[in-house]
Amino acid sequence: GLGLAIVKKCVAAHSGEITLESTVGMGTTFTVTLPLIKGI
């Protein structure tokens, strides 16, 4: 039960967001959106 909690924290550290769509018995889609940074 730690994996998704870690994912959420790491996404936040990258200034991104995570969403999900899921239906029991049919499957799940996770979408992570992160900013595209070109150089520090």
ModelCIF file with pLDDT and N, C-alpha, C, O atoms, coordinates in Angstrom:
data_MODEL
#
_entry.id   MODEL 
#
_entity.id                         1 
_entity.type                       polymer 
_entity.pdbx_number_of_molecules   1 
#
_entity_poly.entity_id                      1 
_entity_poly.type                           'polypeptide(L)' 
_entity_poly.nstd_linkage                   no 
_entity_poly.nstd_monomer                   no 
_entity_poly.pdbx_seq_one_letter_code       GLGLAIVKKCVAAHSGEITLESTVGMGTTFTVTLPLIKGI 
_entity_poly.pdbx_seq_one_letter_code_can   GLGLAIVKKCVAAHSGEITLESTVGMGTTFTVTLPLIKGI 
_entity_poly.pdbx_strand_id                 A 
#
loop_
_entity_poly_seq.entity_id 
_entity_poly_seq.num 
_entity_poly_seq.mon_id 
_entity_poly_seq.hetero 
1 1  GLY n 
1 2  LEU n 
1 3  GLY n 
1 4  LEU n 
1 5  ALA n 
1 6  ILE n 
1 7  VAL n 
1 8  LYS n 
1 9  LYS n 
1 10 CYS n 
1 11 VAL n 
1 12 ALA n 
1 13 ALA n 
1 14 HIS n 
1 15 SER n 
1 16 GLY n 
1 17 GLU n 
1 18 ILE n 
1 19 THR n 
1 20 LEU n 
1 21 GLU n 
1 22 SER n 
1 23 THR n 
1 24 VAL n 
1 25 GLY n 
1 26 MET n 
1 27 GLY n 
1 28 THR n 
1 29 THR n 
1 30 PHE n 
1 31 THR n 
1 32 VAL n 
1 33 THR n 
1 34 LEU n 
1 35 PRO n 
1 36 LEU n 
1 37 ILE n 
1 38 LYS n 
1 39 GLY n 
1 40 ILE n 
#
_struct_asym.id          A 
_struct_asym.entity_id   1 
#
loop_
_ma_qa_metric.id 
_ma_qa_metric.mode 
_ma_qa_metric.name 
_ma_qa_metric.software_group_id 
_ma_qa_metric.type 
1 global pLDDT . pLDDT 
2 local  pLDDT . pLDDT 
#
_ma_qa_metric_global.metric_id      1 
_ma_qa_metric_global.metric_value   90.15 
_ma_qa_metric_global.model_id       1 
_ma_qa_metric_global.ordinal_id     1 
#
loop_
_ma_qa_metric_local.label_asym_id 
_ma_qa_metric_local.label_comp_id 
_ma_qa_metric_local.label_seq_id 
_ma_qa_metric_local.metric_id 
_ma_qa_metric_local.metric_value 
_ma_qa_metric_local.model_id 
_ma_qa_metric_local.ordinal_id 
A GLY 1  2 78.00 1 1  
A LEU 2  2 82.00 1 2  
A GLY 3  2 85.00 1 3  
A LEU 4  2 91.00 1 4  
A ALA 5  2 88.00 1 5  
A ILE 6  2 88.00 1 6  
A VAL 7  2 92.00 1 7  
A LYS 8  2 92.00 1 8  
A LYS 9  2 90.00 1 9  
A CYS 10 2 91.00 1 10 
A VAL 11 2 92.00 1 11 
A ALA 12 2 90.00 1 12 
A ALA 13 2 87.00 1 13 
A HIS 14 2 87.00 1 14 
A SER 15 2 89.00 1 15 
A GLY 16 2 93.00 1 16 
A GLU 17 2 95.00 1 17 
A ILE 18 2 96.00 1 18 
A THR 19 2 96.00 1 19 
A LEU 20 2 95.00 1 20 
A GLU 21 2 95.00 1 21 
A SER 22 2 95.00 1 22 
A THR 23 2 94.00 1 23 
A VAL 24 2 94.00 1 24 
A GLY 25 2 90.00 1 25 
A MET 26 2 92.00 1 26 
A GLY 27 2 93.00 1 27 
A THR 28 2 96.00 1 28 
A THR 29 2 96.00 1 29 
A PHE 30 2 97.00 1 30 
A THR 31 2 97.00 1 31 
A VAL 32 2 97.00 1 32 
A THR 33 2 96.00 1 33 
A LEU 34 2 95.00 1 34 
A PRO 35 2 93.00 1 35 
A LEU 36 2 92.00 1 36 
A ILE 37 2 90.00 1 37 
A LYS 38 2 82.00 1 38 
A GLY 39 2 69.00 1 39 
A ILE 40 2 56.00 1 40 
#
loop_
_atom_site.group_PDB 
_atom_site.id 
_atom_site.type_symbol 
_atom_site.label_atom_id 
_atom_site.label_alt_id 
_atom_site.label_comp_id 
_atom_site.label_asym_id 
_atom_site.label_entity_id 
_atom_site.label_seq_id 
_atom_site.pdbx_PDB_ins_code 
_atom_site.Cartn_x 
_atom_site.Cartn_y 
_atom_site.Cartn_z 
_atom_site.occupancy 
_atom_site.B_iso_or_equiv 
_atom_site.pdbx_formal_charge 
_atom_site.auth_seq_id 
_atom_site.auth_comp_id 
_atom_site.auth_asym_id 
_atom_site.auth_atom_id 
_atom_site.pdbx_PDB_model_num 
ATOM 1   N N  . GLY A 1 1  ? 0.811   -1.212 0.000   1.00 78.00 ? 1  GLY A N  1 
ATOM 2   C CA . GLY A 1 1  ? 0.000   0.000  0.000   1.00 78.00 ? 1  GLY A CA 1 
ATOM 3   C C  . GLY A 1 1  ? 0.844   1.261  0.000   1.00 78.00 ? 1  GLY A C  1 
ATOM 4   O O  . GLY A 1 1  ? 0.338   2.344  0.293   1.00 78.00 ? 1  GLY A O  1 
ATOM 5   N N  . LEU A 1 2  ? 2.129   1.134  -0.326  1.00 82.00 ? 2  LEU A N  1 
ATOM 6   C CA . LEU A 1 2  ? 3.020   2.293  -0.338  1.00 82.00 ? 2  LEU A CA 1 
ATOM 7   C C  . LEU A 1 2  ? 3.260   2.848  -1.737  1.00 82.00 ? 2  LEU A C  1 
ATOM 8   O O  . LEU A 1 2  ? 3.558   4.031  -1.897  1.00 82.00 ? 2  LEU A O  1 
ATOM 9   N N  . GLY A 1 3  ? 3.129   1.994  -2.749  1.00 85.00 ? 3  GLY A N  1 
ATOM 10  C CA . GLY A 1 3  ? 3.521   2.372  -4.104  1.00 85.00 ? 3  GLY A CA 1 
ATOM 11  C C  . GLY A 1 3  ? 2.872   3.641  -4.609  1.00 85.00 ? 3  GLY A C  1 
ATOM 12  O O  . GLY A 1 3  ? 3.564   4.552  -5.063  1.00 85.00 ? 3  GLY A O  1 
ATOM 13  N N  . LEU A 1 4  ? 1.542   3.719  -4.538  1.00 91.00 ? 4  LEU A N  1 
ATOM 14  C CA . LEU A 1 4  ? 0.847   4.886  -5.080  1.00 91.00 ? 4  LEU A CA 1 
ATOM 15  C C  . LEU A 1 4  ? 1.058   6.123  -4.214  1.00 91.00 ? 4  LEU A C  1 
ATOM 16  O O  . LEU A 1 4  ? 1.048   7.243  -4.724  1.00 91.00 ? 4  LEU A O  1 
ATOM 17  N N  . ALA A 1 5  ? 1.249   5.933  -2.916  1.00 88.00 ? 5  ALA A N  1 
ATOM 18  C CA . ALA A 1 5  ? 1.569   7.072  -2.046  1.00 88.00 ? 5  ALA A CA 1 
ATOM 19  C C  . ALA A 1 5  ? 2.909   7.669  -2.453  1.00 88.00 ? 5  ALA A C  1 
ATOM 20  O O  . ALA A 1 5  ? 3.068   8.890  -2.484  1.00 88.00 ? 5  ALA A O  1 
ATOM 21  N N  . ILE A 1 6  ? 3.874   6.802  -2.767  1.00 88.00 ? 6  ILE A N  1 
ATOM 22  C CA . ILE A 1 6  ? 5.184   7.261  -3.226  1.00 88.00 ? 6  ILE A CA 1 
ATOM 23  C C  . ILE A 1 6  ? 5.060   7.955  -4.572  1.00 88.00 ? 6  ILE A C  1 
ATOM 24  O O  . ILE A 1 6  ? 5.673   9.000  -4.794  1.00 88.00 ? 6  ILE A O  1 
ATOM 25  N N  . VAL A 1 7  ? 4.266   7.378  -5.473  1.00 92.00 ? 7  VAL A N  1 
ATOM 26  C CA . VAL A 1 7  ? 4.053   7.982  -6.796  1.00 92.00 ? 7  VAL A CA 1 
ATOM 27  C C  . VAL A 1 7  ? 3.502   9.389  -6.647  1.00 92.00 ? 7  VAL A C  1 
ATOM 28  O O  . VAL A 1 7  ? 3.975   10.317 -7.305  1.00 92.00 ? 7  VAL A O  1 
ATOM 29  N N  . LYS A 1 8  ? 2.507   9.553  -5.789  1.00 92.00 ? 8  LYS A N  1 
ATOM 30  C CA . LYS A 1 8  ? 1.875   10.865 -5.583  1.00 92.00 ? 8  LYS A CA 1 
ATOM 31  C C  . LYS A 1 8  ? 2.894   11.893 -5.097  1.00 92.00 ? 8  LYS A C  1 
ATOM 32  O O  . LYS A 1 8  ? 2.916   13.025 -5.581  1.00 92.00 ? 8  LYS A O  1 
ATOM 33  N N  . LYS A 1 9  ? 3.736   11.502 -4.139  1.00 90.00 ? 9  LYS A N  1 
ATOM 34  C CA . LYS A 1 9  ? 4.748   12.415 -3.605  1.00 90.00 ? 9  LYS A CA 1 
ATOM 35  C C  . LYS A 1 9  ? 5.784   12.774 -4.668  1.00 90.00 ? 9  LYS A C  1 
ATOM 36  O O  . LYS A 1 9  ? 6.207   13.926 -4.765  1.00 90.00 ? 9  LYS A O  1 
ATOM 37  N N  . CYS A 1 10 ? 6.185   11.797 -5.451  1.00 91.00 ? 10 CYS A N  1 
ATOM 38  C CA . CYS A 1 10 ? 7.193   12.053 -6.484  1.00 91.00 ? 10 CYS A CA 1 
ATOM 39  C C  . CYS A 1 10 ? 6.638   12.935 -7.596  1.00 91.00 ? 10 CYS A C  1 
ATOM 40  O O  . CYS A 1 10 ? 7.345   13.793 -8.124  1.00 91.00 ? 10 CYS A O  1 
ATOM 41  N N  . VAL A 1 11 ? 5.384   12.724 -7.947  1.00 92.00 ? 11 VAL A N  1 
ATOM 42  C CA . VAL A 1 11 ? 4.739   13.567 -8.951  1.00 92.00 ? 11 VAL A CA 1 
ATOM 43  C C  . VAL A 1 11 ? 4.659   15.011 -8.446  1.00 92.00 ? 11 VAL A C  1 
ATOM 44  O O  . VAL A 1 11 ? 4.922   15.952 -9.196  1.00 92.00 ? 11 VAL A O  1 
ATOM 45  N N  . ALA A 1 12 ? 4.297   15.177 -7.176  1.00 90.00 ? 12 ALA A N  1 
ATOM 46  C CA . ALA A 1 12 ? 4.217   16.520 -6.600  1.00 90.00 ? 12 ALA A CA 1 
ATOM 47  C C  . ALA A 1 12 ? 5.592   17.183 -6.580  1.00 90.00 ? 12 ALA A C  1 
ATOM 48  O O  . ALA A 1 12 ? 5.707   18.384 -6.828  1.00 90.00 ? 12 ALA A O  1 
ATOM 49  N N  . ALA A 1 13 ? 6.645   16.400 -6.285  1.00 87.00 ? 13 ALA A N  1 
ATOM 50  C CA . ALA A 1 13 ? 8.001   16.951 -6.272  1.00 87.00 ? 13 ALA A CA 1 
ATOM 51  C C  . ALA A 1 13 ? 8.431   17.402 -7.656  1.00 87.00 ? 13 ALA A C  1 
ATOM 52  O O  . ALA A 1 13 ? 9.285   18.279 -7.786  1.00 87.00 ? 13 ALA A O  1 
ATOM 53  N N  . HIS A 1 14 ? 7.851   16.812 -8.687  1.00 87.00 ? 14 HIS A N  1 
ATOM 54  C CA . HIS A 1 14 ? 8.137   17.203 -10.064 1.00 87.00 ? 14 HIS A CA 1 
ATOM 55  C C  . HIS A 1 14 ? 7.149   18.257 -10.561 1.00 87.00 ? 14 HIS A C  1 
ATOM 56  O O  . HIS A 1 14 ? 7.097   18.549 -11.756 1.00 87.00 ? 14 HIS A O  1 
ATOM 57  N N  . SER A 1 15 ? 6.356   18.833 -9.634  1.00 89.00 ? 15 SER A N  1 
ATOM 58  C CA . SER A 1 15 ? 5.351   19.852 -9.956  1.00 89.00 ? 15 SER A CA 1 
ATOM 59  C C  . SER A 1 15 ? 4.359   19.364 -11.007 1.00 89.00 ? 15 SER A C  1 
ATOM 60  O O  . SER A 1 15 ? 3.940   20.123 -11.881 1.00 89.00 ? 15 SER A O  1 
ATOM 61  N N  . GLY A 1 16 ? 3.988   18.087 -10.912 1.00 93.00 ? 16 GLY A N  1 
ATOM 62  C CA . GLY A 1 16 ? 3.031   17.514 -11.862 1.00 93.00 ? 16 GLY A CA 1 
ATOM 63  C C  . GLY A 1 16 ? 1.730   17.136 -11.196 1.00 93.00 ? 16 GLY A C  1 
ATOM 64  O O  . GLY A 1 16 ? 1.468   17.518 -10.055 1.00 93.00 ? 16 GLY A O  1 
ATOM 65  N N  . GLU A 1 17 ? 0.919   16.386 -11.911 1.00 95.00 ? 17 GLU A N  1 
ATOM 66  C CA . GLU A 1 17 ? -0.346  15.907 -11.348 1.00 95.00 ? 17 GLU A CA 1 
ATOM 67  C C  . GLU A 1 17 ? -0.622  14.501 -11.861 1.00 95.00 ? 17 GLU A C  1 
ATOM 68  O O  . GLU A 1 17 ? -0.130  14.103 -12.917 1.00 95.00 ? 17 GLU A O  1 
ATOM 69  N N  . ILE A 1 18 ? -1.411  13.762 -11.103 1.00 96.00 ? 18 ILE A N  1 
ATOM 70  C CA . ILE A 1 18 ? -1.761  12.397 -11.463 1.00 96.00 ? 18 ILE A CA 1 
ATOM 71  C C  . ILE A 1 18 ? -3.264  12.209 -11.345 1.00 96.00 ? 18 ILE A C  1 
ATOM 72  O O  . ILE A 1 18 ? -3.877  12.667 -10.381 1.00 96.00 ? 18 ILE A O  1 
ATOM 73  N N  . THR A 1 19 ? -3.854  11.543 -12.312 1.00 96.00 ? 19 THR A N  1 
ATOM 74  C CA . THR A 1 19 ? -5.286  11.256 -12.308 1.00 96.00 ? 19 THR A CA 1 
ATOM 75  C C  . THR A 1 19 ? -5.492  9.789  -12.649 1.00 96.00 ? 19 THR A C  1 
ATOM 76  O O  . THR A 1 19 ? -4.591  9.122  -13.157 1.00 96.00 ? 19 THR A O  1 
ATOM 77  N N  . LEU A 1 20 ? -6.697  9.294  -12.359 1.00 95.00 ? 20 LEU A N  1 
ATOM 78  C CA . LEU A 1 20 ? -6.988  7.906  -12.697 1.00 95.00 ? 20 LEU A CA 1 
ATOM 79  C C  . LEU A 1 20 ? -8.428  7.768  -13.143 1.00 95.00 ? 20 LEU A C  1 
ATOM 80  O O  . LEU A 1 20 ? -9.309  8.521  -12.729 1.00 95.00 ? 20 LEU A O  1 
ATOM 81  N N  . GLU A 1 21 ? -8.639  6.789  -13.995 1.00 95.00 ? 21 GLU A N  1 
ATOM 82  C CA . GLU A 1 21 ? -9.974  6.355  -14.395 1.00 95.00 ? 21 GLU A CA 1 
ATOM 83  C C  . GLU A 1 21 ? -10.011 4.847  -14.255 1.00 95.00 ? 21 GLU A C  1 
ATOM 84  O O  . GLU A 1 21 ? -9.123  4.153  -14.750 1.00 95.00 ? 21 GLU A O  1 
ATOM 85  N N  . SER A 1 22 ? -11.032 4.333  -13.583 1.00 95.00 ? 22 SER A N  1 
ATOM 86  C CA . SER A 1 22 ? -11.054 2.900  -13.336 1.00 95.00 ? 22 SER A CA 1 
ATOM 87  C C  . SER A 1 22 ? -12.475 2.383  -13.224 1.00 95.00 ? 22 SER A C  1 
ATOM 88  O O  . SER A 1 22 ? -13.364 3.050  -12.695 1.00 95.00 ? 22 SER A O  1 
ATOM 89  N N  . THR A 1 23 ? -12.666 1.170  -13.738 1.00 94.00 ? 23 THR A N  1 
ATOM 90  C CA . THR A 1 23 ? -13.947 0.465  -13.624 1.00 94.00 ? 23 THR A CA 1 
ATOM 91  C C  . THR A 1 23 ? -13.660 -0.953 -13.178 1.00 94.00 ? 23 THR A C  1 
ATOM 92  O O  . THR A 1 23 ? -12.847 -1.650 -13.786 1.00 94.00 ? 23 THR A O  1 
ATOM 93  N N  . VAL A 1 24 ? -14.324 -1.381 -12.123 1.00 94.00 ? 24 VAL A N  1 
ATOM 94  C CA . VAL A 1 24 ? -14.093 -2.718 -11.587 1.00 94.00 ? 24 VAL A CA 1 
ATOM 95  C C  . VAL A 1 24 ? -14.371 -3.761 -12.667 1.00 94.00 ? 24 VAL A C  1 
ATOM 96  O O  . VAL A 1 24 ? -15.411 -3.736 -13.325 1.00 94.00 ? 24 VAL A O  1 
ATOM 97  N N  . GLY A 1 25 ? -13.412 -4.681 -12.834 1.00 90.00 ? 25 GLY A N  1 
ATOM 98  C CA . GLY A 1 25 ? -13.559 -5.761 -13.801 1.00 90.00 ? 25 GLY A CA 1 
ATOM 99  C C  . GLY A 1 25 ? -13.158 -5.403 -15.218 1.00 90.00 ? 25 GLY A C  1 
ATOM 100 O O  . GLY A 1 25 ? -13.089 -6.280 -16.079 1.00 90.00 ? 25 GLY A O  1 
ATOM 101 N N  . MET A 1 26 ? -12.890 -4.118 -15.479 1.00 92.00 ? 26 MET A N  1 
ATOM 102 C CA . MET A 1 26 ? -12.548 -3.694 -16.837 1.00 92.00 ? 26 MET A CA 1 
ATOM 103 C C  . MET A 1 26 ? -11.144 -3.110 -16.953 1.00 92.00 ? 26 MET A C  1 
ATOM 104 O O  . MET A 1 26 ? -10.539 -3.152 -18.024 1.00 92.00 ? 26 MET A O  1 
ATOM 105 N N  . GLY A 1 27 ? -10.631 -2.573 -15.871 1.00 93.00 ? 27 GLY A N  1 
ATOM 106 C CA . GLY A 1 27 ? -9.273  -2.059 -15.916 1.00 93.00 ? 27 GLY A CA 1 
ATOM 107 C C  . GLY A 1 27 ? -9.128  -0.643 -15.402 1.00 93.00 ? 27 GLY A C  1 
ATOM 108 O O  . GLY A 1 27 ? -10.099 -0.005 -14.996 1.00 93.00 ? 27 GLY A O  1 
ATOM 109 N N  . THR A 1 28 ? -7.884  -0.158 -15.428 1.00 96.00 ? 28 THR A N  1 
ATOM 110 C CA . THR A 1 28 ? -7.540  1.147  -14.850 1.00 96.00 ? 28 THR A CA 1 
ATOM 111 C C  . THR A 1 28 ? -6.587  1.884  -15.782 1.00 96.00 ? 28 THR A C  1 
ATOM 112 O O  . THR A 1 28 ? -5.737  1.284  -16.440 1.00 96.00 ? 28 THR A O  1 
ATOM 113 N N  . THR A 1 29 ? -6.754  3.202  -15.818 1.00 96.00 ? 29 THR A N  1 
ATOM 114 C CA . THR A 1 29 ? -5.816  4.058  -16.555 1.00 96.00 ? 29 THR A CA 1 
ATOM 115 C C  . THR A 1 29 ? -5.307  5.147  -15.623 1.00 96.00 ? 29 THR A C  1 
ATOM 116 O O  . THR A 1 29 ? -6.085  5.948  -15.105 1.00 96.00 ? 29 THR A O  1 
ATOM 117 N N  . PHE A 1 30 ? -4.004  5.169  -15.415 1.00 97.00 ? 30 PHE A N  1 
ATOM 118 C CA . PHE A 1 30 ? -3.356  6.241  -14.659 1.00 97.00 ? 30 PHE A CA 1 
ATOM 119 C C  . PHE A 1 30 ? -2.698  7.193  -15.649 1.00 97.00 ? 30 PHE A C  1 
ATOM 120 O O  . PHE A 1 30 ? -2.047  6.761  -16.599 1.00 97.00 ? 30 PHE A O  1 
ATOM 121 N N  . THR A 1 31 ? -2.875  8.504  -15.418 1.00 97.00 ? 31 THR A N  1 
ATOM 122 C CA . THR A 1 31 ? -2.255  9.509  -16.275 1.00 97.00 ? 31 THR A CA 1 
ATOM 123 C C  . THR A 1 31 ? -1.444  10.469 -15.417 1.00 97.00 ? 31 THR A C  1 
ATOM 124 O O  . THR A 1 31 ? -1.966  11.098 -14.497 1.00 97.00 ? 31 THR A O  1 
ATOM 125 N N  . VAL A 1 32 ? -0.161  10.568 -15.736 1.00 97.00 ? 32 VAL A N  1 
ATOM 126 C CA . VAL A 1 32 ? 0.741   11.477 -15.019 1.00 97.00 ? 32 VAL A CA 1 
ATOM 127 C C  . VAL A 1 32 ? 1.171   12.576 -15.992 1.00 97.00 ? 32 VAL A C  1 
ATOM 128 O O  . VAL A 1 32 ? 1.663   12.298 -17.086 1.00 97.00 ? 32 VAL A O  1 
ATOM 129 N N  . THR A 1 33 ? 0.976   13.819 -15.576 1.00 96.00 ? 33 THR A N  1 
ATOM 130 C CA . THR A 1 33 ? 1.371   14.962 -16.397 1.00 96.00 ? 33 THR A CA 1 
ATOM 131 C C  . THR A 1 33 ? 2.466   15.733 -15.677 1.00 96.00 ? 33 THR A C  1 
ATOM 132 O O  . THR A 1 33 ? 2.268   16.219 -14.563 1.00 96.00 ? 33 THR A O  1 
ATOM 133 N N  . LEU A 1 34 ? 3.628   15.843 -16.327 1.00 95.00 ? 34 LEU A N  1 
ATOM 134 C CA . LEU A 1 34 ? 4.766   16.546 -15.728 1.00 95.00 ? 34 LEU A CA 1 
ATOM 135 C C  . LEU A 1 34 ? 5.204   17.692 -16.638 1.00 95.00 ? 34 LEU A C  1 
ATOM 136 O O  . LEU A 1 34 ? 5.116   17.583 -17.861 1.00 95.00 ? 34 LEU A O  1 
ATOM 137 N N  . PRO A 1 35 ? 5.675   18.789 -16.046 1.00 93.00 ? 35 PRO A N  1 
ATOM 138 C CA . PRO A 1 35 ? 6.155   19.906 -16.881 1.00 93.00 ? 35 PRO A CA 1 
ATOM 139 C C  . PRO A 1 35 ? 7.400   19.499 -17.670 1.00 93.00 ? 35 PRO A C  1 
ATOM 140 O O  . PRO A 1 35 ? 8.269   18.791 -17.162 1.00 93.00 ? 35 PRO A O  1 
ATOM 141 N N  . LEU A 1 36 ? 7.466   19.952 -18.897 1.00 92.00 ? 36 LEU A N  1 
ATOM 142 C CA . LEU A 1 36 ? 8.617   19.669 -19.757 1.00 92.00 ? 36 LEU A CA 1 
ATOM 143 C C  . LEU A 1 36 ? 9.617   20.814 -19.603 1.00 92.00 ? 36 LEU A C  1 
ATOM 144 O O  . LEU A 1 36 ? 9.396   21.915 -20.107 1.00 92.00 ? 36 LEU A O  1 
ATOM 145 N N  . ILE A 1 37 ? 10.708  20.546 -18.907 1.00 90.00 ? 37 ILE A N  1 
ATOM 146 C CA . ILE A 1 37 ? 11.718  21.565 -18.616 1.00 90.00 ? 37 ILE A CA 1 
ATOM 147 C C  . ILE A 1 37 ? 12.924  21.337 -19.520 1.00 90.00 ? 37 ILE A C  1 
ATOM 148 O O  . ILE A 1 37 ? 13.481  20.240 -19.565 1.00 90.00 ? 37 ILE A O  1 
ATOM 149 N N  . LYS A 1 38 ? 13.321  22.385 -20.238 1.00 82.00 ? 38 LYS A N  1 
ATOM 150 C CA . LYS A 1 38 ? 14.468  22.303 -21.142 1.00 82.00 ? 38 LYS A CA 1 
ATOM 151 C C  . LYS A 1 38 ? 15.667  23.008 -20.511 1.00 82.00 ? 38 LYS A C  1 
ATOM 152 O O  . LYS A 1 38 ? 15.884  24.195 -20.754 1.00 82.00 ? 38 LYS A O  1 
ATOM 153 N N  . GLY A 1 39 ? 16.428  22.306 -19.721 1.00 69.00 ? 39 GLY A N  1 
ATOM 154 C CA . GLY A 1 39 ? 17.616  22.892 -19.097 1.00 69.00 ? 39 GLY A CA 1 
ATOM 155 C C  . GLY A 1 39 ? 17.288  23.519 -17.761 1.00 69.00 ? 39 GLY A C  1 
ATOM 156 O O  . GLY A 1 39 ? 16.200  24.063 -17.574 1.00 69.00 ? 39 GLY A O  1 
ATOM 157 N N  . ILE A 1 40 ? 18.230  23.446 -16.824 1.00 56.00 ? 40 ILE A N  1 
ATOM 158 C CA . ILE A 1 40 ? 18.019  23.974 -15.469 1.00 56.00 ? 40 ILE A CA 1 
ATOM 159 C C  . ILE A 1 40 ? 17.719  25.455 -15.502 1.00 56.00 ? 40 ILE A C  1 
ATOM 160 O O  . ILE A 1 40 ? 17.515  26.067 -14.453 1.00 56.00 ? 40 ILE A O  1 
#
